[in-house]
N, C-alpha and C. Protein backbone atom coordinates (compact mmCIF):
# COMPACT_ATOMS: atom_id res chain seq x y z
N UNK A 1 38.55 80.06 31.29
CA UNK A 1 38.79 80.29 32.79
C UNK A 1 40.28 79.99 33.51
N UNK A 2 40.52 80.74 34.13
CA UNK A 2 42.19 81.01 35.16
C UNK A 2 41.90 79.25 35.59
N UNK A 3 42.54 78.98 35.62
CA UNK A 3 42.17 77.39 37.07
C UNK A 3 43.44 78.11 37.89
N UNK A 4 42.63 77.89 38.64
CA UNK A 4 43.48 78.41 40.38
C UNK A 4 44.64 76.92 41.20
N UNK A 5 43.88 75.90 41.11
CA UNK A 5 43.62 74.55 41.95
C UNK A 5 44.34 73.76 40.25
N UNK A 6 45.78 72.86 41.11
CA UNK A 6 46.11 71.96 40.69
C UNK A 6 46.01 70.48 41.90
N UNK A 7 45.61 69.45 40.79
CA UNK A 7 45.29 68.14 42.10
C UNK A 7 45.88 67.64 41.45
N UNK A 8 46.80 66.99 42.92
CA UNK A 8 48.12 66.40 43.01
C UNK A 8 47.71 64.66 42.91
N UNK A 9 47.86 63.94 42.24
CA UNK A 9 47.48 62.39 41.84
C UNK A 9 46.71 61.77 42.82
N UNK A 10 47.25 61.51 44.40
CA UNK A 10 46.03 60.92 45.61
C UNK A 10 44.73 61.71 45.31
N UNK A 11 45.20 62.77 45.18
CA UNK A 11 43.93 63.90 45.53
C UNK A 11 42.69 63.37 43.71
N UNK A 12 43.36 62.74 42.95
CA UNK A 12 42.05 62.50 41.81
C UNK A 12 41.52 60.76 42.38
N UNK A 13 42.88 59.82 42.98
CA UNK A 13 42.61 59.24 42.94
C UNK A 13 41.55 58.84 44.42
N UNK A 14 40.96 59.89 44.96
CA UNK A 14 39.73 59.76 46.17
C UNK A 14 38.92 59.43 45.51
N UNK A 15 38.82 59.90 44.17
CA UNK A 15 37.52 60.49 43.69
C UNK A 15 36.96 58.52 43.00
N UNK A 16 37.79 57.71 42.93
CA UNK A 16 38.23 56.06 42.65
C UNK A 16 37.71 55.57 43.30
N UNK A 17 37.85 55.76 45.18
CA UNK A 17 37.67 54.56 45.85
C UNK A 17 36.15 54.49 46.38
N UNK A 18 36.09 53.76 46.67
CA UNK A 18 34.32 53.73 46.96
C UNK A 18 34.11 53.89 47.78
N UNK A 19 35.14 54.39 48.90
CA UNK A 19 34.30 55.63 50.27
C UNK A 19 35.23 56.93 49.83
N UNK A 20 34.82 57.58 49.59
CA UNK A 20 36.01 58.57 49.24
C UNK A 20 35.68 59.75 50.20
N UNK A 21 36.77 60.20 50.46
CA UNK A 21 36.17 62.03 51.63
C UNK A 21 35.26 62.84 51.19
N UNK A 22 34.22 62.45 52.02
CA UNK A 22 33.29 63.50 51.52
C UNK A 22 33.80 64.94 51.17
N UNK A 23 34.43 65.72 52.58
CA UNK A 23 34.85 67.00 52.40
C UNK A 23 35.82 67.09 51.39
N UNK A 24 36.95 65.98 50.66
CA UNK A 24 37.53 66.75 49.58
C UNK A 24 36.63 66.34 47.88
N UNK A 25 35.31 65.57 48.00
CA UNK A 25 34.45 65.71 47.32
C UNK A 25 33.75 67.15 47.48
N UNK A 26 33.56 67.70 48.14
CA UNK A 26 32.45 69.04 48.24
C UNK A 26 33.43 70.06 47.77
N UNK A 27 34.70 70.28 48.25
CA UNK A 27 35.93 71.00 47.50
C UNK A 27 36.05 71.12 46.53
N UNK A 28 36.19 70.09 45.47
CA UNK A 28 36.29 69.78 44.14
C UNK A 28 35.08 69.94 43.63
N UNK A 29 33.91 69.66 44.19
CA UNK A 29 32.72 69.92 43.56
C UNK A 29 32.18 71.68 43.54
N UNK A 30 32.61 72.75 44.47
CA UNK A 30 32.39 73.94 44.23
C UNK A 30 32.95 74.07 43.57
N UNK A 31 34.78 73.57 43.59
CA UNK A 31 35.63 74.22 42.75
C UNK A 31 36.49 73.43 41.03
N UNK A 32 34.96 72.21 40.88
CA UNK A 32 35.49 72.23 39.96
C UNK A 32 36.10 72.85 38.85
N UNK A 33 35.33 74.15 38.05
CA UNK A 33 35.89 75.00 37.29
C UNK A 33 37.01 75.51 37.31
N UNK A 34 37.55 75.08 38.17
CA UNK A 34 39.13 76.18 38.14
C UNK A 34 39.76 74.95 38.70
N UNK A 35 39.70 73.49 38.83
CA UNK A 35 40.67 72.80 38.98
C UNK A 35 40.95 72.14 37.64
N UNK A 36 42.77 71.80 37.80
CA UNK A 36 43.16 70.82 37.11
C UNK A 36 44.14 70.14 37.40
N UNK A 37 44.81 69.48 36.14
CA UNK A 37 45.64 68.22 36.72
C UNK A 37 47.65 68.50 35.61
N UNK A 38 48.25 68.07 36.70
CA UNK A 38 49.22 68.27 35.18
C UNK A 38 49.24 67.47 34.67
N UNK A 39 49.81 67.15 33.45
CA UNK A 39 50.70 65.92 32.71
C UNK A 39 51.18 64.78 33.24
N UNK A 40 51.77 65.19 34.72
CA UNK A 40 52.98 64.22 35.93
C UNK A 40 51.68 63.27 36.11
N UNK A 41 50.76 63.89 36.69
CA UNK A 41 49.58 63.41 36.74
C UNK A 41 48.94 62.39 36.11
N UNK A 42 48.70 63.16 35.23
CA UNK A 42 48.25 62.29 34.30
C UNK A 42 48.64 60.99 33.77
N UNK A 43 50.04 60.99 34.00
CA UNK A 43 51.01 59.30 33.41
C UNK A 43 51.27 58.89 34.72
N UNK A 44 51.13 59.20 35.97
CA UNK A 44 50.73 57.94 37.29
C UNK A 44 49.72 57.26 36.76
N UNK A 45 48.57 58.10 36.40
CA UNK A 45 47.46 57.78 36.22
C UNK A 45 47.16 56.31 35.86
N UNK A 46 47.93 57.05 34.49
CA UNK A 46 47.73 56.30 33.13
C UNK A 46 49.11 54.73 32.95
N UNK A 47 50.44 55.17 34.21
CA UNK A 47 50.87 54.30 34.31
C UNK A 47 50.43 53.22 35.49
N UNK A 48 50.07 53.73 36.36
CA UNK A 48 49.31 52.88 37.00
C UNK A 48 47.93 51.82 36.84
N UNK A 49 47.26 52.10 35.76
CA UNK A 49 46.27 51.34 35.51
C UNK A 49 46.66 50.83 34.76
N UNK A 50 47.38 50.70 33.91
CA UNK A 50 48.57 49.77 32.63
C UNK A 50 48.88 48.61 33.48
N UNK A 51 49.46 49.64 34.54
CA UNK A 51 50.21 48.27 35.46
C UNK A 51 49.29 47.10 36.34
N UNK A 52 47.99 47.72 36.26
CA UNK A 52 46.78 46.81 37.27
C UNK A 52 46.58 45.41 36.43
N UNK A 53 46.25 44.20 36.88
CA UNK A 53 45.39 42.98 36.14
C UNK A 53 44.60 43.44 35.37
N UNK A 54 44.39 42.93 34.24
CA UNK A 54 42.89 42.87 33.34
C UNK A 54 42.23 42.16 34.16
N UNK A 55 40.72 43.40 34.71
CA UNK A 55 39.57 42.69 34.81
C UNK A 55 38.73 43.51 35.62
N UNK A 56 37.66 43.78 35.87
CA UNK A 56 36.32 44.46 36.25
C UNK A 56 37.26 45.90 37.00
N UNK A 57 38.12 45.52 38.18
CA UNK A 57 38.62 47.01 38.81
C UNK A 57 39.69 47.92 37.66
N UNK A 58 39.76 47.11 36.90
CA UNK A 58 40.46 47.76 36.38
C UNK A 58 39.89 48.57 34.54
N UNK A 59 39.02 47.37 34.27
CA UNK A 59 38.06 48.16 33.38
C UNK A 59 37.47 49.50 33.87
N UNK A 60 36.76 49.32 35.35
CA UNK A 60 35.87 50.49 36.23
C UNK A 60 37.38 51.95 36.03
N UNK A 61 38.10 51.73 36.40
CA UNK A 61 39.44 53.29 36.88
C UNK A 61 39.59 53.20 35.54
N UNK A 62 39.78 52.91 34.68
CA UNK A 62 40.23 53.34 33.28
C UNK A 62 38.63 54.07 32.76
N UNK A 63 38.04 53.35 32.79
CA UNK A 63 36.97 54.02 32.77
C UNK A 63 36.23 55.47 32.75
N UNK A 64 37.05 55.89 34.53
CA UNK A 64 37.24 57.04 35.05
C UNK A 64 37.80 57.41 34.54
N UNK A 65 39.18 57.53 34.31
CA UNK A 65 40.32 58.12 33.62
C UNK A 65 40.49 58.82 32.49
N UNK A 66 39.22 57.76 31.56
CA UNK A 66 39.02 58.41 30.00
C UNK A 66 37.85 59.55 30.62
N UNK A 67 36.82 59.64 31.40
CA UNK A 67 35.75 60.19 31.50
C UNK A 67 36.22 61.58 32.29
N UNK A 68 36.78 60.93 33.21
CA UNK A 68 37.80 62.57 33.72
C UNK A 68 38.59 63.40 32.80
N UNK A 69 39.03 62.64 32.12
CA UNK A 69 40.33 63.53 31.15
C UNK A 69 39.52 64.54 30.15
N UNK A 70 38.34 63.76 29.59
CA UNK A 70 37.37 64.33 29.31
C UNK A 70 37.06 65.64 29.88
N UNK A 71 36.94 66.22 31.22
CA UNK A 71 36.25 67.06 31.86
C UNK A 71 37.13 67.98 32.37
N UNK A 72 38.86 67.36 32.34
CA UNK A 72 39.56 68.28 33.72
C UNK A 72 40.67 68.94 32.05
N UNK A 73 41.42 70.34 32.77
CA UNK A 73 42.50 70.61 31.83
C UNK A 73 43.93 69.68 32.32
N UNK A 74 44.16 69.35 31.23
CA UNK A 74 46.20 69.02 31.61
C UNK A 74 46.86 69.49 31.12
N UNK A 75 47.51 70.62 32.45
CA UNK A 75 48.62 71.67 32.62
C UNK A 75 50.14 71.21 32.31
N UNK A 76 50.28 71.53 30.98
CA UNK A 76 51.70 70.46 30.41
C UNK A 76 53.09 70.79 31.20
N UNK A 77 54.26 70.01 31.44
CA UNK A 77 54.99 70.03 32.50
C UNK A 77 55.51 70.18 31.60
N UNK A 78 56.11 71.99 30.80
CA UNK A 78 56.63 73.00 30.06
C UNK A 78 58.06 72.91 30.10
N UNK A 79 58.95 73.40 29.13
CA UNK A 79 60.28 74.35 29.57
C UNK A 79 60.61 75.18 30.69
N UNK A 80 59.62 75.71 31.48
CA UNK A 80 59.48 77.05 32.18
C UNK A 80 59.62 76.39 33.43
N UNK A 81 58.34 75.21 33.73
CA UNK A 81 58.40 73.83 34.73
C UNK A 81 59.25 73.19 34.77
N UNK A 82 60.00 73.07 33.99
CA UNK A 82 61.82 72.61 33.73
C UNK A 82 62.45 73.09 34.65
N UNK A 83 62.59 74.10 33.61
CA UNK A 83 63.84 74.68 34.86
C UNK A 83 63.73 74.76 36.45
N UNK A 84 62.43 75.91 36.37
CA UNK A 84 61.71 75.19 38.14
C UNK A 84 62.15 74.66 39.00
N UNK A 85 62.12 73.24 38.44
CA UNK A 85 62.58 72.26 38.81
C UNK A 85 63.46 71.34 39.38
N UNK A 86 64.08 71.85 38.09
CA UNK A 86 65.80 71.29 37.90
C UNK A 86 66.25 72.94 39.38
N UNK A 87 66.03 74.06 39.08
CA UNK A 87 66.34 75.08 40.92
C UNK A 87 66.20 74.35 41.66
N UNK A 88 65.11 73.92 41.87
CA UNK A 88 64.49 73.83 43.72
C UNK A 88 65.48 71.90 43.63
N UNK A 89 65.34 71.14 42.45
CA UNK A 89 65.79 70.17 42.98
C UNK A 89 67.52 70.61 43.56
N UNK A 90 67.83 71.09 42.61
CA UNK A 90 69.67 71.22 42.76
C UNK A 90 69.73 71.88 44.03
N UNK A 91 68.93 73.03 44.04
CA UNK A 91 68.91 73.42 45.96
C UNK A 91 69.21 72.28 46.82
N UNK A 92 67.90 71.51 46.68
CA UNK A 92 67.32 70.80 47.60
C UNK A 92 69.05 69.60 47.49
N UNK A 93 70.16 68.92 46.19
CA UNK A 93 71.09 68.14 45.97
C UNK A 93 71.73 69.64 47.11
N UNK A 94 71.85 70.16 47.21
CA UNK A 94 72.96 71.24 47.62
C UNK A 94 72.98 70.93 49.12
N UNK A 95 71.67 70.68 49.81
CA UNK A 95 71.46 70.92 51.28
C UNK A 95 71.36 68.69 51.52
N UNK A 96 72.08 68.32 50.70
CA UNK A 96 71.94 67.00 50.96
C UNK A 96 70.39 66.15 51.16
N UNK A 97 69.60 66.79 50.71
CA UNK A 97 68.28 65.90 50.70
C UNK A 97 67.96 65.80 49.23
N UNK A 98 67.50 64.53 48.46
CA UNK A 98 66.72 64.52 47.49
C UNK A 98 65.28 64.45 47.57
N UNK A 99 64.64 65.24 46.10
CA UNK A 99 63.21 64.97 46.06
C UNK A 99 62.85 64.35 45.25
N UNK A 100 61.43 63.43 45.65
CA UNK A 100 60.94 62.64 44.82
C UNK A 100 60.30 63.11 43.19
N UNK A 101 61.15 62.86 42.03
CA UNK A 101 60.63 63.08 40.95
C UNK A 101 59.40 63.86 40.22
N UNK A 102 58.61 62.78 40.28
CA UNK A 102 57.51 63.13 40.17
C UNK A 102 56.31 64.21 40.94
N UNK A 103 56.48 64.45 42.34
CA UNK A 103 56.45 65.31 42.96
C UNK A 103 56.99 66.61 42.77
N UNK A 104 58.63 66.56 42.38
CA UNK A 104 59.14 68.03 42.02
C UNK A 104 58.18 68.12 40.69
N UNK A 105 58.33 67.76 39.97
CA UNK A 105 57.66 68.73 38.18
C UNK A 105 56.03 68.68 38.73
N UNK A 106 55.36 68.02 39.61
CA UNK A 106 54.38 68.48 39.67
C UNK A 106 54.35 70.50 40.57
N UNK A 107 54.78 69.76 41.38
CA UNK A 107 55.04 71.26 42.47
C UNK A 107 55.61 72.44 41.25
N UNK A 108 56.99 71.79 40.00
CA UNK A 108 57.20 73.39 39.63
C UNK A 108 55.85 73.33 38.77
N UNK A 109 55.35 72.19 38.24
CA UNK A 109 54.02 72.86 37.35
C UNK A 109 53.04 73.96 37.80
N UNK A 110 52.86 73.31 39.46
CA UNK A 110 51.68 74.28 39.99
C UNK A 110 53.06 75.82 40.75
N UNK A 111 53.67 76.24 40.35
CA UNK A 111 54.93 77.22 40.88
C UNK A 111 54.72 78.06 39.20
N UNK A 112 54.78 77.27 38.10
CA UNK A 112 55.19 77.91 37.20
C UNK A 112 53.66 78.63 36.56
N UNK A 113 52.54 78.24 37.32
CA UNK A 113 51.36 78.74 36.32
C UNK A 113 50.56 79.16 37.64
N UNK A 114 51.27 78.83 38.56
CA UNK A 114 50.38 80.51 39.42
C UNK A 114 49.37 79.83 40.35
N UNK A 115 49.36 78.96 40.10
CA UNK A 115 48.43 77.48 41.14
C UNK A 115 48.35 77.03 42.24
N UNK A 116 47.75 76.80 43.61
CA UNK A 116 47.97 76.39 44.30
C UNK A 116 48.01 75.11 44.17
N UNK A 117 48.12 74.32 44.61
CA UNK A 117 48.35 72.41 44.47
C UNK A 117 47.96 71.62 45.75
N UNK A 118 46.71 70.70 45.33
CA UNK A 118 45.97 70.54 46.00
C UNK A 118 46.55 68.65 46.41
N UNK A 119 47.04 68.82 47.45
CA UNK A 119 47.17 67.16 47.78
C UNK A 119 47.09 67.10 49.27
N UNK A 120 47.14 66.00 49.63
CA UNK A 120 47.44 65.42 51.39
C UNK A 120 48.59 64.46 51.08
N UNK A 121 49.35 64.87 50.19
CA UNK A 121 51.03 64.24 50.69
C UNK A 121 51.83 65.68 50.68
N UNK A 122 51.32 66.11 51.96
CA UNK A 122 52.35 67.03 52.73
C UNK A 122 53.81 67.51 53.14
N UNK A 123 54.07 66.25 53.54
CA UNK A 123 55.78 66.26 53.32
C UNK A 123 56.42 65.91 52.71
N UNK A 124 55.95 64.92 51.67
CA UNK A 124 56.85 65.43 50.40
C UNK A 124 57.25 67.02 49.45
N UNK A 125 56.07 67.50 49.78
CA UNK A 125 55.96 68.42 49.16
C UNK A 125 56.66 70.06 49.72
N UNK A 126 57.04 69.97 51.08
CA UNK A 126 57.23 70.57 52.33
C UNK A 126 58.57 71.31 51.78
N UNK A 127 59.45 70.20 51.74
CA UNK A 127 60.63 71.26 51.18
C UNK A 127 60.84 72.13 49.73
N UNK A 128 59.46 71.99 49.01
CA UNK A 128 59.59 72.68 48.03
C UNK A 128 58.59 74.00 48.32
N UNK A 129 57.93 73.41 49.44
CA UNK A 129 57.27 75.33 50.00
C UNK A 129 58.04 75.93 50.30
N UNK A 130 59.55 75.19 51.27
CA UNK A 130 60.87 76.14 51.73
C UNK A 130 61.69 76.92 51.35
N UNK A 131 61.58 76.11 49.95
CA UNK A 131 62.45 76.86 48.83
C UNK A 131 62.20 77.41 47.67
N UNK A 132 60.89 77.31 47.36
CA UNK A 132 60.07 78.11 46.36
C UNK A 132 58.91 78.58 46.51
N UNK A 133 58.17 79.10 45.76
CA UNK A 133 56.69 80.21 46.17
C UNK A 133 55.49 78.84 45.90
N UNK A 134 55.78 76.90 46.01
CA UNK A 134 54.31 76.55 45.95
C UNK A 134 53.83 76.99 47.48
N UNK A 135 52.21 77.23 46.90
CA UNK A 135 51.32 77.28 47.71
C UNK A 135 51.00 76.16 48.22
N UNK A 136 50.59 75.39 48.86
CA UNK A 136 49.75 74.34 49.01
C UNK A 136 48.71 74.35 49.65
N UNK A 137 47.38 73.34 49.65
CA UNK A 137 46.53 72.95 50.58
C UNK A 137 45.95 71.75 50.59
N UNK A 138 45.97 71.09 51.29
CA UNK A 138 45.16 70.04 52.09
C UNK A 138 43.79 70.01 52.50
N UNK A 139 43.01 69.33 51.28
CA UNK A 139 41.29 69.44 51.25
C UNK A 139 40.93 67.98 52.55
N UNK A 140 41.94 67.50 52.84
CA UNK A 140 41.21 66.23 53.99
C UNK A 140 41.06 67.20 55.20
N UNK A 141 41.80 68.44 55.64
CA UNK A 141 42.34 68.51 56.58
C UNK A 141 41.78 70.24 56.36
N UNK A 142 41.57 70.67 55.68
CA UNK A 142 40.77 72.59 55.57
C UNK A 142 39.48 72.37 56.62
């Protein structure tokens, strides 16, 4: 089944919270079969948990990441995505803006795979919406 939604890191991290946003959980539950994450989000989550001090919280989050990784497709950051990302970053630089690297890669992955990016971080992705064919949804305010 083709994946429609690419979940940004801040959406996935919502699932770990002690009190996650109910609307985000409901949207995900209704769409889980058509959701995926990028390899960049996987990298950010792996890096984040490995930087945490050892203990119960780290173990709980690592357990979540392991289980989540077994149940979600991870879309690779490939040559086509990298080309789109490079073009978007170059256009931004010509306008005097610098785009966040990870966010640019995640956006390019969504664009190259014809997916809707789901994020709560709209401000960082706004320039990419303006310059490219990035479709974005915020399940916190939908």
